[in-house]
């Protein structure tokens, strides 16, 4: 209990959070709870899978673990995973450079023209949903802040923007410009 409260306070102070999970034990309910808090706090994240040296491996082990972790943390599919061993030092030298890369992505700014290019292509590929005979129309979008990246999208009726289409637009922005490990806010 005490360590969870300390974790929450540390997360509130952080820009990039390193969420360490035990490769042998897997993701616990407490790990998932902390991951949810990281997301709610709009913090960037890197998931460190520690004790990788203690796992019996085959050529498919890392892919299997990646699928399992992505399934357990399906709300954070944009977060990079790094398989490390604090005991042996395996890949520990990659932790800080990856965290710094995630911080750079958190601070990235896109021009309005780049954002609108993505929005037009997204609508051409998958039309915005209609509801009660009204079609969602996206006029334009702009990035209003970074840390975390926040995009304002101007539409004819915000009630027509279903969360699945908002998620689709987020994925299109990520596909085009990355934002590794960083939540994206769309307003």
C-alpha atoms as a PDB file:
ATOM      1  CA  UNK A   1       0.000   0.000   0.000  1.00  0.00           C
ATOM      2  CA  UNK A   2       2.720   2.453   1.035  1.00  0.00           C
ATOM      3  CA  UNK A   3       4.811   1.771  -2.082  1.00  0.00           C
ATOM      4  CA  UNK A   4       1.789   2.328  -4.348  1.00  0.00           C
ATOM      5  CA  UNK A   5       1.180   5.760  -2.786  1.00  0.00           C
ATOM      6  CA  UNK A   6       4.869   6.605  -3.210  1.00  0.00           C
ATOM      7  CA  UNK A   7       4.622   5.460  -6.837  1.00  0.00           C
ATOM      8  CA  UNK A   8       1.613   7.712  -7.460  1.00  0.00           C
ATOM      9  CA  UNK A   9       3.431  10.736  -5.992  1.00  0.00           C
ATOM     10  CA  UNK A  10       6.523  10.008  -8.101  1.00  0.00           C
ATOM     11  CA  UNK A  11       4.372   9.629 -11.226  1.00  0.00           C
ATOM     12  CA  UNK A  12       2.743  13.014 -10.596  1.00  0.00           C
ATOM     13  CA  UNK A  13       6.208  14.644 -10.506  1.00  0.00           C
ATOM     14  CA  UNK A  14       7.514  12.820 -13.612  1.00  0.00           C
ATOM     15  CA  UNK A  15       7.250  13.450 -17.337  1.00  0.00           C
ATOM     16  CA  UNK A  16       8.467   9.967 -18.317  1.00  0.00           C
ATOM     17  CA  UNK A  17       7.751   6.998 -16.056  1.00  0.00           C
ATOM     18  CA  UNK A  18       9.747   3.769 -16.068  1.00  0.00           C
ATOM     19  CA  UNK A  19       7.287   1.005 -15.160  1.00  0.00           C
ATOM     20  CA  UNK A  20       9.287  -2.034 -14.088  1.00  0.00           C
ATOM     21  CA  UNK A  21       7.599  -5.410 -14.164  1.00  0.00           C
ATOM     22  CA  UNK A  22       8.924  -8.806 -13.166  1.00  0.00           C
ATOM     23  CA  UNK A  23       9.490 -11.093 -16.175  1.00  0.00           C
ATOM     24  CA  UNK A  24       9.069 -14.208 -14.013  1.00  0.00           C
ATOM     25  CA  UNK A  25       5.885 -13.136 -12.201  1.00  0.00           C
ATOM     26  CA  UNK A  26       4.317 -11.207 -15.095  1.00  0.00           C
ATOM     27  CA  UNK A  27       2.053  -8.197 -14.741  1.00  0.00           C
ATOM     28  CA  UNK A  28       0.361  -8.065 -11.364  1.00  0.00           C
ATOM     29  CA  UNK A  29      -2.923  -6.319 -10.579  1.00  0.00           C
ATOM     30  CA  UNK A  30      -0.826  -3.647  -8.844  1.00  0.00           C
ATOM     31  CA  UNK A  31       1.301  -3.156 -11.993  1.00  0.00           C
ATOM     32  CA  UNK A  32      -1.860  -2.754 -14.090  1.00  0.00           C
ATOM     33  CA  UNK A  33      -3.285  -0.302 -11.543  1.00  0.00           C
ATOM     34  CA  UNK A  34      -0.113   1.800 -11.658  1.00  0.00           C
ATOM     35  CA  UNK A  35      -0.126   1.665 -15.479  1.00  0.00           C
ATOM     36  CA  UNK A  36      -3.702   2.946 -15.450  1.00  0.00           C
ATOM     37  CA  UNK A  37      -2.663   5.813 -13.193  1.00  0.00           C
ATOM     38  CA  UNK A  38       0.226   6.660 -15.551  1.00  0.00           C
ATOM     39  CA  UNK A  39      -2.262   6.895 -18.417  1.00  0.00           C
ATOM     40  CA  UNK A  40      -4.792   8.950 -16.415  1.00  0.00           C
ATOM     41  CA  UNK A  41      -2.008  11.357 -15.411  1.00  0.00           C
ATOM     42  CA  UNK A  42      -1.048  11.808 -19.103  1.00  0.00           C
ATOM     43  CA  UNK A  43       2.534  10.706 -18.461  1.00  0.00           C
ATOM     44  CA  UNK A  44       4.866   9.137 -20.986  1.00  0.00           C
ATOM     45  CA  UNK A  45       6.099   5.642 -20.182  1.00  0.00           C
ATOM     46  CA  UNK A  46       8.649   2.931 -20.885  1.00  0.00           C
ATOM     47  CA  UNK A  47       7.886  -0.582 -19.635  1.00  0.00           C
ATOM     48  CA  UNK A  48      10.968  -2.366 -18.321  1.00  0.00           C
ATOM     49  CA  UNK A  49      10.666  -6.136 -18.139  1.00  0.00           C
ATOM     50  CA  UNK A  50      13.249  -7.009 -15.472  1.00  0.00           C
ATOM     51  CA  UNK A  51      14.763 -10.406 -14.562  1.00  0.00           C
ATOM     52  CA  UNK A  52      14.942 -11.323 -18.241  1.00  0.00           C
ATOM     53  CA  UNK A  53      17.999 -13.446 -17.363  1.00  0.00           C
ATOM     54  CA  UNK A  54      15.789 -15.686 -15.173  1.00  0.00           C
ATOM     55  CA  UNK A  55      13.396 -16.614 -18.010  1.00  0.00           C
ATOM     56  CA  UNK A  56      13.958 -19.806 -19.986  1.00  0.00           C
ATOM     57  CA  UNK A  57      14.015 -18.697 -23.584  1.00  0.00           C
ATOM     58  CA  UNK A  58      13.433 -20.004 -27.057  1.00  0.00           C
ATOM     59  CA  UNK A  59      13.493 -18.028 -30.305  1.00  0.00           C
ATOM     60  CA  UNK A  60       9.840 -17.032 -29.737  1.00  0.00           C
ATOM     61  CA  UNK A  61       9.989 -16.121 -26.032  1.00  0.00           C
ATOM     62  CA  UNK A  62      10.390 -12.360 -26.467  1.00  0.00           C
ATOM     63  CA  UNK A  63       7.512 -12.221 -28.989  1.00  0.00           C
ATOM     64  CA  UNK A  64       5.298 -14.267 -26.652  1.00  0.00           C
ATOM     65  CA  UNK A  65       6.085 -11.997 -23.690  1.00  0.00           C
ATOM     66  CA  UNK A  66       5.506  -8.915 -25.829  1.00  0.00           C
ATOM     67  CA  UNK A  67       2.059 -10.193 -26.896  1.00  0.00           C
ATOM     68  CA  UNK A  68       1.153 -11.053 -23.296  1.00  0.00           C
ATOM     69  CA  UNK A  69       2.239  -7.660 -21.951  1.00  0.00           C
ATOM     70  CA  UNK A  70       0.518  -5.805 -24.815  1.00  0.00           C
ATOM     71  CA  UNK A  71      -2.655  -7.785 -24.022  1.00  0.00           C
ATOM     72  CA  UNK A  72      -2.472  -7.040 -20.292  1.00  0.00           C
ATOM     73  CA  UNK A  73      -1.726  -3.346 -20.915  1.00  0.00           C
ATOM     74  CA  UNK A  74      -3.864  -2.977 -24.057  1.00  0.00           C
ATOM     75  CA  UNK A  75      -4.652   0.643 -23.178  1.00  0.00           C
ATOM     76  CA  UNK A  76      -0.934   1.504 -23.531  1.00  0.00           C
ATOM     77  CA  UNK A  77      -0.069  -0.078 -26.868  1.00  0.00           C
ATOM     78  CA  UNK A  78       2.140   2.893 -27.819  1.00  0.00           C
ATOM     79  CA  UNK A  79       4.577   2.278 -24.952  1.00  0.00           C
ATOM     80  CA  UNK A  80       7.977   0.730 -25.758  1.00  0.00           C
ATOM     81  CA  UNK A  81       9.037  -2.461 -23.962  1.00  0.00           C
ATOM     82  CA  UNK A  82      12.625  -3.108 -22.969  1.00  0.00           C
ATOM     83  CA  UNK A  83      13.678  -6.538 -21.687  1.00  0.00           C
ATOM     84  CA  UNK A  84      16.467  -6.051 -19.128  1.00  0.00           C
ATOM     85  CA  UNK A  85      18.302  -7.719 -16.291  1.00  0.00           C
ATOM     86  CA  UNK A  86      19.358  -5.460 -13.438  1.00  0.00           C
ATOM     87  CA  UNK A  87      21.365  -8.388 -12.056  1.00  0.00           C
ATOM     88  CA  UNK A  88      23.489  -9.037 -15.162  1.00  0.00           C
ATOM     89  CA  UNK A  89      23.248  -5.525 -16.651  1.00  0.00           C
ATOM     90  CA  UNK A  90      21.665  -6.833 -19.876  1.00  0.00           C
ATOM     91  CA  UNK A  91      20.296  -3.856 -21.887  1.00  0.00           C
ATOM     92  CA  UNK A  92      20.406  -1.600 -18.795  1.00  0.00           C
ATOM     93  CA  UNK A  93      22.520   0.823 -20.843  1.00  0.00           C
ATOM     94  CA  UNK A  94      19.522   1.281 -23.170  1.00  0.00           C
ATOM     95  CA  UNK A  95      17.096   2.459 -20.461  1.00  0.00           C
ATOM     96  CA  UNK A  96      18.160   6.112 -20.212  1.00  0.00           C
ATOM     97  CA  UNK A  97      18.552   6.686 -23.995  1.00  0.00           C
ATOM     98  CA  UNK A  98      15.081   5.207 -24.555  1.00  0.00           C
ATOM     99  CA  UNK A  99      13.574   7.369 -21.779  1.00  0.00           C
ATOM    100  CA  UNK A 100      15.219  10.458 -23.322  1.00  0.00           C
ATOM    101  CA  UNK A 101      13.843   9.528 -26.768  1.00  0.00           C
ATOM    102  CA  UNK A 102      10.348   9.214 -25.265  1.00  0.00           C
ATOM    103  CA  UNK A 103      10.801  12.648 -23.633  1.00  0.00           C
ATOM    104  CA  UNK A 104      11.758  14.148 -27.015  1.00  0.00           C
ATOM    105  CA  UNK A 105       8.612  12.644 -28.562  1.00  0.00           C
ATOM    106  CA  UNK A 106       6.557  14.079 -25.685  1.00  0.00           C
ATOM    107  CA  UNK A 107       7.820  17.562 -26.555  1.00  0.00           C
ATOM    108  CA  UNK A 108       7.397  17.210 -30.345  1.00  0.00           C
ATOM    109  CA  UNK A 109       5.382  19.854 -32.173  1.00  0.00           C
ATOM    110  CA  UNK A 110       3.704  19.320 -35.518  1.00  0.00           C
ATOM    111  CA  UNK A 111       2.802  22.058 -37.948  1.00  0.00           C
ATOM    112  CA  UNK A 112      -0.869  22.635 -38.667  1.00  0.00           C
ATOM    113  CA  UNK A 113      -0.285  21.657 -42.307  1.00  0.00           C
ATOM    114  CA  UNK A 114       1.144  18.249 -41.271  1.00  0.00           C
ATOM    115  CA  UNK A 115      -1.779  17.629 -38.919  1.00  0.00           C
ATOM    116  CA  UNK A 116      -4.323  18.555 -41.575  1.00  0.00           C
ATOM    117  CA  UNK A 117      -2.596  16.301 -44.118  1.00  0.00           C
ATOM    118  CA  UNK A 118      -3.037  13.372 -41.717  1.00  0.00           C
ATOM    119  CA  UNK A 119      -6.676  14.323 -41.028  1.00  0.00           C
ATOM    120  CA  UNK A 120      -7.541  14.556 -44.746  1.00  0.00           C
ATOM    121  CA  UNK A 121      -5.846  11.219 -45.518  1.00  0.00           C
ATOM    122  CA  UNK A 122      -7.570   9.610 -42.524  1.00  0.00           C
ATOM    123  CA  UNK A 123     -10.995  10.784 -43.708  1.00  0.00           C
ATOM    124  CA  UNK A 124     -10.265   9.648 -47.268  1.00  0.00           C
ATOM    125  CA  UNK A 125      -9.344   6.182 -46.000  1.00  0.00           C
ATOM    126  CA  UNK A 126     -12.114   5.844 -43.417  1.00  0.00           C
ATOM    127  CA  UNK A 127     -15.009   8.290 -43.503  1.00  0.00           C
ATOM    128  CA  UNK A 128     -16.094   9.874 -40.255  1.00  0.00           C
ATOM    129  CA  UNK A 129     -19.175   8.272 -38.715  1.00  0.00           C
ATOM    130  CA  UNK A 130     -22.684   9.603 -39.108  1.00  0.00           C
ATOM    131  CA  UNK A 131     -25.275   9.616 -36.354  1.00  0.00           C
ATOM    132  CA  UNK A 132     -29.007  10.255 -36.759  1.00  0.00           C
ATOM    133  CA  UNK A 133     -28.422  11.348 -40.342  1.00  0.00           C
ATOM    134  CA  UNK A 134     -25.735  13.881 -39.430  1.00  0.00           C
ATOM    135  CA  UNK A 135     -22.223  13.398 -40.780  1.00  0.00           C
ATOM    136  CA  UNK A 136     -19.184  14.407 -38.746  1.00  0.00           C
ATOM    137  CA  UNK A 137     -17.190  17.016 -40.639  1.00  0.00           C
ATOM    138  CA  UNK A 138     -13.632  17.801 -39.635  1.00  0.00           C
ATOM    139  CA  UNK A 139     -12.718  21.348 -40.634  1.00  0.00           C
ATOM    140  CA  UNK A 140      -9.098  21.397 -39.455  1.00  0.00           C
ATOM    141  CA  UNK A 141      -6.786  20.487 -36.604  1.00  0.00           C
ATOM    142  CA  UNK A 142      -3.880  22.129 -34.830  1.00  0.00           C
ATOM    143  CA  UNK A 143      -1.507  21.240 -32.015  1.00  0.00           C
ATOM    144  CA  UNK A 144      -2.248  23.522 -29.091  1.00  0.00           C
ATOM    145  CA  UNK A 145       0.469  22.236 -26.760  1.00  0.00           C
ATOM    146  CA  UNK A 146       3.092  19.600 -26.162  1.00  0.00           C
ATOM    147  CA  UNK A 147       3.949  17.813 -22.909  1.00  0.00           C
ATOM    148  CA  UNK A 148       1.784  15.826 -23.627  1.00  0.00           C
ATOM    149  CA  UNK A 149       0.963  16.457 -27.294  1.00  0.00           C
ATOM    150  CA  UNK A 150      -2.526  17.971 -27.406  1.00  0.00           C
ATOM    151  CA  UNK A 151      -4.446  18.462 -30.628  1.00  0.00           C
ATOM    152  CA  UNK A 152      -7.535  20.611 -31.116  1.00  0.00           C
ATOM    153  CA  UNK A 153      -9.740  19.343 -33.925  1.00  0.00           C
ATOM    154  CA  UNK A 154     -12.469  21.656 -35.149  1.00  0.00           C
ATOM    155  CA  UNK A 155     -15.641  19.843 -36.229  1.00  0.00           C
ATOM    156  CA  UNK A 156     -19.245  20.645 -37.090  1.00  0.00           C
ATOM    157  CA  UNK A 157     -20.616  18.825 -34.001  1.00  0.00           C
ATOM    158  CA  UNK A 158     -18.366  17.380 -31.251  1.00  0.00           C
ATOM    159  CA  UNK A 159     -21.099  14.920 -30.213  1.00  0.00           C
ATOM    160  CA  UNK A 160     -20.616  13.141 -33.543  1.00  0.00           C
ATOM    161  CA  UNK A 161     -16.951  12.343 -32.721  1.00  0.00           C
ATOM    162  CA  UNK A 162     -17.216   8.769 -31.434  1.00  0.00           C
ATOM    163  CA  UNK A 163     -14.343   7.599 -29.212  1.00  0.00           C
ATOM    164  CA  UNK A 164     -13.460   4.890 -31.751  1.00  0.00           C
ATOM    165  CA  UNK A 165     -12.960   7.500 -34.477  1.00  0.00           C
ATOM    166  CA  UNK A 166     -10.942   9.653 -32.087  1.00  0.00           C
ATOM    167  CA  UNK A 167      -8.769   6.587 -31.397  1.00  0.00           C
ATOM    168  CA  UNK A 168      -8.465   6.012 -35.156  1.00  0.00           C
ATOM    169  CA  UNK A 169      -7.243   9.597 -35.647  1.00  0.00           C
ATOM    170  CA  UNK A 170      -4.791   9.171 -32.774  1.00  0.00           C
ATOM    171  CA  UNK A 171      -3.425   6.014 -34.400  1.00  0.00           C
ATOM    172  CA  UNK A 172      -3.062   7.835 -37.731  1.00  0.00           C
ATOM    173  CA  UNK A 173      -1.106  10.650 -36.037  1.00  0.00           C
ATOM    174  CA  UNK A 174       1.094   8.050 -34.316  1.00  0.00           C
ATOM    175  CA  UNK A 175       1.576   6.155 -37.565  1.00  0.00           C
ATOM    176  CA  UNK A 176       2.786   9.281 -39.283  1.00  0.00           C
ATOM    177  CA  UNK A 177       4.798  10.976 -36.513  1.00  0.00           C
ATOM    178  CA  UNK A 178       5.505   8.425 -33.762  1.00  0.00           C
ATOM    179  CA  UNK A 179       4.986   9.891 -30.289  1.00  0.00           C
ATOM    180  CA  UNK A 180       6.663   6.770 -28.871  1.00  0.00           C
ATOM    181  CA  UNK A 181       5.630   6.099 -25.289  1.00  0.00           C
ATOM    182  CA  UNK A 182       3.572   9.273 -25.109  1.00  0.00           C
ATOM    183  CA  UNK A 183      -0.187   9.676 -24.695  1.00  0.00           C
ATOM    184  CA  UNK A 184      -1.896  11.948 -27.207  1.00  0.00           C
ATOM    185  CA  UNK A 185      -4.775  14.194 -26.220  1.00  0.00           C
ATOM    186  CA  UNK A 186      -7.380  15.010 -28.855  1.00  0.00           C
ATOM    187  CA  UNK A 187      -9.911  17.723 -28.022  1.00  0.00           C
END
